[in-house]
Amino acid sequence: MVFSVAPYNIFVKSKMFGAEVLFVRFRKGFRMIQKTNTAKNIRCLCEAAVFIAIAAVFALLKFPPFRIDLWIFGGSIDFVMLPLFLMCWRLDMKWSLPACFIFGMVKFLITGDSISVYGGLLAVMLDYVLAYGVIGFSGFFRKLKGGLFWCILAGSLARFAVHFISGVTIYKLAFGDSVELFNISFDHTMAAFYSLVYNGSYMLGEMLYCLALAAVLYKPLSKLPRS
């Protein structure tokens, strides 16, 4: 009795053809995903760069209403943080976090001429790089309802914490044994209270500034796609 192998060959070939079709489709799909990810990465990179540039422009605008100076040794209310909060709300943290640290260095380069008054390198790291860098962690709250406002609250609190630590640790380097505030003399033992009043005053103002502007911008911006 003779058995024909033709049906078996047809079956094997059909399986091989089906596998080949699946492989080709998988490869095309993978390449499409790669192209999509590349385009998304480029968009996120460009968007982060734009937000850094806008924040840098705001840092250079040293007149009302863009900037209101409160203290002679620094400490002002401005719009600098708003672009950073928008970035943290719109972009994933892998983009917004390093971008905030980069902006901290940029801000020092364009506005940190009198940094020697505040204690040199330590002040650069605390009052610029770290203070603005920690704003990037506000991205943890970006997907909550009203995420932009949560980002502003969390980022402002984080930046205030860094400035508060800076005010305590660099207090004697900046002011010596005592400083006068509201006609009250504070010695180094009251550095924490002074730092709370000094940094809390302008940080609260900046946070309220950002919240007010965010309330105006939130609705139109929420219609735009986010990463």
C-alpha atoms as a PDB file:
ATOM      1  CA  MET A   1       0.000   0.000   0.000  1.00  0.00           C
ATOM      2  CA  VAL A   2       1.450   3.340  -1.061  1.00  0.00           C
ATOM      3  CA  PHE A   3       0.932   6.486   1.037  1.00  0.00           C
ATOM      4  CA  SER A   4       1.163   9.920  -0.569  1.00  0.00           C
ATOM      5  CA  VAL A   5       3.174  12.556   1.279  1.00  0.00           C
ATOM      6  CA  ALA A   6       1.708  15.412  -0.746  1.00  0.00           C
ATOM      7  CA  PRO A   7      -0.951  16.360   1.812  1.00  0.00           C
ATOM      8  CA  TYR A   8       1.689  16.328   4.540  1.00  0.00           C
ATOM      9  CA  ASN A   9       4.003  18.564   2.488  1.00  0.00           C
ATOM     10  CA  ILE A  10       1.152  20.951   1.816  1.00  0.00           C
ATOM     11  CA  PHE A  11       0.382  21.037   5.546  1.00  0.00           C
ATOM     12  CA  VAL A  12       4.017  21.738   6.470  1.00  0.00           C
ATOM     13  CA  LYS A  13       4.387  24.414   3.815  1.00  0.00           C
ATOM     14  CA  SER A  14       1.181  26.116   4.919  1.00  0.00           C
ATOM     15  CA  LYS A  15       2.459  26.179   8.508  1.00  0.00           C
ATOM     16  CA  MET A  16       5.794  27.601   7.389  1.00  0.00           C
ATOM     17  CA  PHE A  17       4.037  30.204   5.274  1.00  0.00           C
ATOM     18  CA  GLY A  18       1.802  31.171   8.192  1.00  0.00           C
ATOM     19  CA  ALA A  19       4.805  31.491  10.501  1.00  0.00           C
ATOM     20  CA  GLU A  20       6.607  33.594   7.917  1.00  0.00           C
ATOM     21  CA  VAL A  21       3.599  35.895   7.582  1.00  0.00           C
ATOM     22  CA  LEU A  22       3.427  36.277  11.370  1.00  0.00           C
ATOM     23  CA  PHE A  23       7.154  37.024  11.541  1.00  0.00           C
ATOM     24  CA  VAL A  24       6.910  39.657   8.808  1.00  0.00           C
ATOM     25  CA  ARG A  25       3.952  41.289  10.531  1.00  0.00           C
ATOM     26  CA  PHE A  26       5.744  41.197  13.878  1.00  0.00           C
ATOM     27  CA  ARG A  27       8.840  42.779  12.347  1.00  0.00           C
ATOM     28  CA  LYS A  28       6.786  45.534  10.710  1.00  0.00           C
ATOM     29  CA  GLY A  29       4.938  46.139  13.957  1.00  0.00           C
ATOM     30  CA  PHE A  30       8.182  46.293  15.925  1.00  0.00           C
ATOM     31  CA  ARG A  31       9.679  48.774  13.474  1.00  0.00           C
ATOM     32  CA  MET A  32       6.524  50.883  13.692  1.00  0.00           C
ATOM     33  CA  ILE A  33       6.800  50.886  17.500  1.00  0.00           C
ATOM     34  CA  GLN A  34      10.457  51.892  17.221  1.00  0.00           C
ATOM     35  CA  LYS A  35       9.566  54.770  14.915  1.00  0.00           C
ATOM     36  CA  THR A  36       6.722  55.828  17.212  1.00  0.00           C
ATOM     37  CA  ASN A  37       8.990  55.756  20.283  1.00  0.00           C
ATOM     38  CA  THR A  38      11.676  57.707  18.445  1.00  0.00           C
ATOM     39  CA  ALA A  39       9.176  60.371  17.416  1.00  0.00           C
ATOM     40  CA  LYS A  40       7.796  60.515  20.961  1.00  0.00           C
ATOM     41  CA  ASN A  41      11.280  60.833  22.456  1.00  0.00           C
ATOM     42  CA  ILE A  42      12.153  63.655  20.081  1.00  0.00           C
ATOM     43  CA  ARG A  43       8.911  65.443  20.930  1.00  0.00           C
ATOM     44  CA  CYS A  44       9.495  65.086  24.684  1.00  0.00           C
ATOM     45  CA  LEU A  45      13.092  66.266  24.359  1.00  0.00           C
ATOM     46  CA  CYS A  46      12.071  69.323  22.356  1.00  0.00           C
ATOM     47  CA  GLU A  47       9.208  70.104  24.716  1.00  0.00           C
ATOM     48  CA  ALA A  48      11.501  69.908  27.757  1.00  0.00           C
ATOM     49  CA  ALA A  49      14.001  72.213  26.045  1.00  0.00           C
ATOM     50  CA  VAL A  50      11.232  74.727  25.291  1.00  0.00           C
ATOM     51  CA  PHE A  51      10.055  74.752  28.909  1.00  0.00           C
ATOM     52  CA  ILE A  52      13.630  75.267  30.142  1.00  0.00           C
ATOM     53  CA  ALA A  53      14.045  78.159  27.700  1.00  0.00           C
ATOM     54  CA  ILE A  54      10.780  79.796  28.823  1.00  0.00           C
ATOM     55  CA  ALA A  55      11.785  79.482  32.476  1.00  0.00           C
ATOM     56  CA  ALA A  56      15.183  81.008  31.657  1.00  0.00           C
ATOM     57  CA  VAL A  57      13.492  83.968  29.956  1.00  0.00           C
ATOM     58  CA  PHE A  58      11.292  84.505  33.011  1.00  0.00           C
ATOM     59  CA  ALA A  59      14.426  84.425  35.182  1.00  0.00           C
ATOM     60  CA  LEU A  60      15.885  87.288  33.143  1.00  0.00           C
ATOM     61  CA  LEU A  61      12.777  89.474  33.409  1.00  0.00           C
ATOM     62  CA  LYS A  62      13.554  91.421  36.577  1.00  0.00           C
ATOM     63  CA  PHE A  63      10.694  93.897  36.626  1.00  0.00           C
ATOM     64  CA  PRO A  64       7.039  93.746  37.801  1.00  0.00           C
ATOM     65  CA  PRO A  65       4.853  91.830  37.270  1.00  0.00           C
ATOM     66  CA  PHE A  66       7.382  89.202  36.198  1.00  0.00           C
ATOM     67  CA  ARG A  67       9.441  89.698  39.342  1.00  0.00           C
ATOM     68  CA  ILE A  68       8.739  91.269  42.723  1.00  0.00           C
ATOM     69  CA  ASP A  69      11.793  91.566  44.982  1.00  0.00           C
ATOM     70  CA  LEU A  70      11.184  91.045  48.685  1.00  0.00           C
ATOM     71  CA  TRP A  71      14.632  90.895  50.290  1.00  0.00           C
ATOM     72  CA  ILE A  72      17.942  92.618  49.587  1.00  0.00           C
ATOM     73  CA  PHE A  73      19.855  89.317  49.660  1.00  0.00           C
ATOM     74  CA  GLY A  74      17.609  87.617  47.129  1.00  0.00           C
ATOM     75  CA  GLY A  75      14.230  86.046  47.530  1.00  0.00           C
ATOM     76  CA  SER A  76      11.712  87.243  44.975  1.00  0.00           C
ATOM     77  CA  ILE A  77       8.326  86.282  43.589  1.00  0.00           C
ATOM     78  CA  ASP A  78       8.409  85.413  39.891  1.00  0.00           C
ATOM     79  CA  PHE A  79       7.038  83.092  37.200  1.00  0.00           C
ATOM     80  CA  VAL A  80      10.148  80.920  36.889  1.00  0.00           C
ATOM     81  CA  MET A  81       8.634  77.793  38.405  1.00  0.00           C
ATOM     82  CA  LEU A  82       5.468  77.793  36.273  1.00  0.00           C
ATOM     83  CA  PRO A  83       7.080  76.386  33.074  1.00  0.00           C
ATOM     84  CA  LEU A  84       8.773  73.715  35.195  1.00  0.00           C
ATOM     85  CA  PHE A  85       5.464  72.691  36.755  1.00  0.00           C
ATOM     86  CA  LEU A  86       3.832  72.551  33.335  1.00  0.00           C
ATOM     87  CA  MET A  87       6.680  70.345  32.141  1.00  0.00           C
ATOM     88  CA  CYS A  88       6.394  68.028  35.162  1.00  0.00           C
ATOM     89  CA  TRP A  89       2.663  67.742  34.542  1.00  0.00           C
ATOM     90  CA  ARG A  90       2.942  67.081  30.818  1.00  0.00           C
ATOM     91  CA  LEU A  91       6.044  64.894  30.563  1.00  0.00           C
ATOM     92  CA  ASP A  92       7.128  61.654  32.158  1.00  0.00           C
ATOM     93  CA  MET A  93       9.580  61.999  35.041  1.00  0.00           C
ATOM     94  CA  LYS A  94      12.419  60.506  33.007  1.00  0.00           C
ATOM     95  CA  TRP A  95      12.297  63.791  31.078  1.00  0.00           C
ATOM     96  CA  SER A  96      11.103  66.351  33.611  1.00  0.00           C
ATOM     97  CA  LEU A  97      13.377  65.359  36.509  1.00  0.00           C
ATOM     98  CA  PRO A  98      16.743  65.771  34.725  1.00  0.00           C
ATOM     99  CA  ALA A  99      15.380  68.852  32.942  1.00  0.00           C
ATOM    100  CA  CYS A 100      14.675  70.535  36.298  1.00  0.00           C
ATOM    101  CA  PHE A 101      18.233  69.855  37.474  1.00  0.00           C
ATOM    102  CA  ILE A 102      19.560  71.231  34.194  1.00  0.00           C
ATOM    103  CA  PHE A 103      17.495  74.375  34.640  1.00  0.00           C
ATOM    104  CA  GLY A 104      18.957  74.823  38.123  1.00  0.00           C
ATOM    105  CA  MET A 105      22.420  75.000  36.573  1.00  0.00           C
ATOM    106  CA  VAL A 106      21.178  77.280  33.789  1.00  0.00           C
ATOM    107  CA  LYS A 107      19.620  79.675  36.286  1.00  0.00           C
ATOM    108  CA  PHE A 108      22.868  79.899  38.223  1.00  0.00           C
ATOM    109  CA  LEU A 109      24.786  80.688  35.039  1.00  0.00           C
ATOM    110  CA  ILE A 110      22.441  83.512  34.049  1.00  0.00           C
ATOM    111  CA  THR A 111      21.523  84.980  37.456  1.00  0.00           C
ATOM    112  CA  GLY A 112      24.062  83.757  40.037  1.00  0.00           C
ATOM    113  CA  ASP A 113      26.575  86.616  39.915  1.00  0.00           C
ATOM    114  CA  SER A 114      26.484  87.292  43.656  1.00  0.00           C
ATOM    115  CA  ILE A 115      26.709  83.672  44.746  1.00  0.00           C
ATOM    116  CA  SER A 116      29.863  84.272  46.816  1.00  0.00           C
ATOM    117  CA  VAL A 117      27.704  86.136  49.328  1.00  0.00           C
ATOM    118  CA  TYR A 118      25.802  82.926  50.054  1.00  0.00           C
ATOM    119  CA  GLY A 119      28.628  80.516  50.697  1.00  0.00           C
ATOM    120  CA  GLY A 120      30.131  79.528  47.357  1.00  0.00           C
ATOM    121  CA  LEU A 121      29.792  76.029  45.948  1.00  0.00           C
ATOM    122  CA  LEU A 122      27.494  74.801  48.719  1.00  0.00           C
ATOM    123  CA  ALA A 123      25.001  77.542  47.902  1.00  0.00           C
ATOM    124  CA  VAL A 124      25.170  76.722  44.180  1.00  0.00           C
ATOM    125  CA  MET A 125      24.253  73.114  44.877  1.00  0.00           C
ATOM    126  CA  LEU A 126      21.491  73.920  47.366  1.00  0.00           C
ATOM    127  CA  ASP A 127      19.911  77.161  46.150  1.00  0.00           C
ATOM    128  CA  TYR A 128      20.132  76.435  42.434  1.00  0.00           C
ATOM    129  CA  VAL A 129      20.801  72.864  41.286  1.00  0.00           C
ATOM    130  CA  LEU A 130      19.028  70.982  44.078  1.00  0.00           C
ATOM    131  CA  ALA A 131      16.333  73.580  44.803  1.00  0.00           C
ATOM    132  CA  TYR A 132      15.064  73.520  41.228  1.00  0.00           C
ATOM    133  CA  GLY A 133      15.973  69.892  40.646  1.00  0.00           C
ATOM    134  CA  VAL A 134      13.615  68.594  43.339  1.00  0.00           C
ATOM    135  CA  ILE A 135      10.719  70.250  41.521  1.00  0.00           C
ATOM    136  CA  GLY A 136      11.035  67.369  39.069  1.00  0.00           C
ATOM    137  CA  PHE A 137       9.791  64.943  41.719  1.00  0.00           C
ATOM    138  CA  SER A 138       6.407  66.667  41.591  1.00  0.00           C
ATOM    139  CA  GLY A 139       5.828  64.542  38.498  1.00  0.00           C
ATOM    140  CA  PHE A 140       4.742  61.767  40.867  1.00  0.00           C
ATOM    141  CA  PHE A 141       1.400  63.583  41.109  1.00  0.00           C
ATOM    142  CA  ARG A 142       0.916  64.396  37.423  1.00  0.00           C
ATOM    143  CA  LYS A 143      -1.741  61.747  36.788  1.00  0.00           C
ATOM    144  CA  LEU A 144      -3.940  62.655  39.740  1.00  0.00           C
ATOM    145  CA  LYS A 145      -7.148  64.575  39.171  1.00  0.00           C
ATOM    146  CA  GLY A 146      -6.095  68.205  38.920  1.00  0.00           C
ATOM    147  CA  GLY A 147      -2.529  66.951  38.577  1.00  0.00           C
ATOM    148  CA  LEU A 148      -1.075  70.339  37.653  1.00  0.00           C
ATOM    149  CA  PHE A 149      -2.172  71.849  40.954  1.00  0.00           C
ATOM    150  CA  TRP A 150      -0.770  68.898  42.900  1.00  0.00           C
ATOM    151  CA  CYS A 151       2.511  69.325  41.040  1.00  0.00           C
ATOM    152  CA  ILE A 152       2.614  72.993  42.057  1.00  0.00           C
ATOM    153  CA  LEU A 153       1.912  72.234  45.716  1.00  0.00           C
ATOM    154  CA  ALA A 154       4.394  69.350  45.928  1.00  0.00           C
ATOM    155  CA  GLY A 155       7.113  71.085  43.915  1.00  0.00           C
ATOM    156  CA  SER A 156       6.838  74.312  45.894  1.00  0.00           C
ATOM    157  CA  LEU A 157       7.059  72.435  49.186  1.00  0.00           C
ATOM    158  CA  ALA A 158      10.085  70.462  47.981  1.00  0.00           C
ATOM    159  CA  ARG A 159      11.911  73.584  46.821  1.00  0.00           C
ATOM    160  CA  PHE A 160      11.086  75.388  50.074  1.00  0.00           C
ATOM    161  CA  ALA A 161      12.546  72.463  52.047  1.00  0.00           C
ATOM    162  CA  VAL A 162      15.858  72.796  50.193  1.00  0.00           C
ATOM    163  CA  HIS A 163      15.973  76.572  50.666  1.00  0.00           C
ATOM    164  CA  PHE A 164      15.133  76.128  54.349  1.00  0.00           C
ATOM    165  CA  ILE A 165      18.067  73.745  54.799  1.00  0.00           C
ATOM    166  CA  SER A 166      20.262  76.153  52.863  1.00  0.00           C
ATOM    167  CA  GLY A 167      19.174  79.027  55.084  1.00  0.00           C
ATOM    168  CA  VAL A 168      20.142  77.095  58.198  1.00  0.00           C
ATOM    169  CA  THR A 169      23.449  75.652  56.983  1.00  0.00           C
ATOM    170  CA  ILE A 170      24.766  78.748  55.202  1.00  0.00           C
ATOM    171  CA  TYR A 171      23.339  81.237  57.693  1.00  0.00           C
ATOM    172  CA  LYS A 172      26.615  82.166  59.377  1.00  0.00           C
ATOM    173  CA  LEU A 173      28.502  82.229  56.077  1.00  0.00           C
ATOM    174  CA  ALA A 174      26.022  84.741  54.695  1.00  0.00           C
ATOM    175  CA  PHE A 175      25.262  86.968  57.657  1.00  0.00           C
ATOM    176  CA  GLY A 176      27.835  86.322  60.370  1.00  0.00           C
ATOM    177  CA  ASP A 177      26.671  86.270  63.959  1.00  0.00           C
ATOM    178  CA  SER A 178      23.403  88.159  63.522  1.00  0.00           C
ATOM    179  CA  VAL A 179      21.005  89.690  61.027  1.00  0.00           C
ATOM    180  CA  GLU A 180      18.123  92.126  61.344  1.00  0.00           C
ATOM    181  CA  LEU A 181      14.672  91.311  59.986  1.00  0.00           C
ATOM    182  CA  PHE A 182      11.530  93.369  60.684  1.00  0.00           C
ATOM    183  CA  ASN A 183      13.644  95.450  63.100  1.00  0.00           C
ATOM    184  CA  ILE A 184      14.392  92.288  65.098  1.00  0.00           C
ATOM    185  CA  SER A 185      17.953  91.026  65.499  1.00  0.00           C
ATOM    186  CA  PHE A 186      18.388  87.267  64.974  1.00  0.00           C
ATOM    187  CA  ASP A 187      21.563  85.495  66.064  1.00  0.00           C
ATOM    188  CA  HIS A 188      22.821  82.177  64.682  1.00  0.00           C
ATOM    189  CA  THR A 189      20.830  80.204  67.265  1.00  0.00           C
ATOM    190  CA  MET A 190      17.627  81.374  65.556  1.00  0.00           C
ATOM    191  CA  ALA A 191      18.752  80.444  62.054  1.00  0.00           C
ATOM    192  CA  ALA A 192      15.871  77.992  61.614  1.00  0.00           C
ATOM    193  CA  PHE A 193      13.241  80.614  62.434  1.00  0.00           C
ATOM    194  CA  TYR A 194      14.897  83.181  60.198  1.00  0.00           C
ATOM    195  CA  SER A 195      15.119  80.688  57.333  1.00  0.00           C
ATOM    196  CA  LEU A 196      11.451  79.809  57.796  1.00  0.00           C
ATOM    197  CA  VAL A 197      10.359  83.459  57.610  1.00  0.00           C
ATOM    198  CA  TYR A 198      12.783  84.478  54.878  1.00  0.00           C
ATOM    199  CA  ASN A 199      12.295  81.565  52.501  1.00  0.00           C
ATOM    200  CA  GLY A 200       8.676  80.915  53.398  1.00  0.00           C
ATOM    201  CA  SER A 201       7.614  84.441  52.467  1.00  0.00           C
ATOM    202  CA  TYR A 202       8.678  84.412  48.825  1.00  0.00           C
ATOM    203  CA  MET A 203       8.026  80.691  48.294  1.00  0.00           C
ATOM    204  CA  LEU A 204       4.432  81.135  49.426  1.00  0.00           C
ATOM    205  CA  GLY A 205       4.093  84.082  47.045  1.00  0.00           C
ATOM    206  CA  GLU A 206       5.532  82.102  44.133  1.00  0.00           C
ATOM    207  CA  MET A 207       3.253  79.155  44.834  1.00  0.00           C
ATOM    208  CA  LEU A 208       0.162  81.377  44.872  1.00  0.00           C
ATOM    209  CA  TYR A 209       1.359  83.086  41.684  1.00  0.00           C
ATOM    210  CA  CYS A 210       1.697  79.722  39.944  1.00  0.00           C
ATOM    211  CA  LEU A 211      -1.637  78.415  41.233  1.00  0.00           C
ATOM    212  CA  ALA A 212      -3.441  81.502  39.952  1.00  0.00           C
ATOM    213  CA  LEU A 213      -1.895  81.240  36.486  1.00  0.00           C
ATOM    214  CA  ALA A 214      -2.434  77.474  36.405  1.00  0.00           C
ATOM    215  CA  ALA A 215      -6.133  78.009  37.072  1.00  0.00           C
ATOM    216  CA  VAL A 216      -6.284  80.107  33.901  1.00  0.00           C
ATOM    217  CA  LEU A 217      -4.177  77.765  31.750  1.00  0.00           C
ATOM    218  CA  TYR A 218      -5.380  74.395  33.024  1.00  0.00           C
ATOM    219  CA  LYS A 219      -8.517  73.969  30.913  1.00  0.00           C
ATOM    220  CA  PRO A 220      -7.000  74.752  27.482  1.00  0.00           C
ATOM    221  CA  LEU A 221      -3.773  72.873  28.232  1.00  0.00           C
ATOM    222  CA  SER A 222      -5.600  69.789  29.497  1.00  0.00           C
ATOM    223  CA  LYS A 223      -6.986  69.282  25.983  1.00  0.00           C
ATOM    224  CA  LEU A 224      -3.492  68.789  24.561  1.00  0.00           C
ATOM    225  CA  PRO A 225      -1.978  65.265  24.477  1.00  0.00           C
ATOM    226  CA  ARG A 226       0.552  64.448  27.199  1.00  0.00           C
ATOM    227  CA  SER A 227       3.266  61.823  27.347  1.00  0.00           C
END
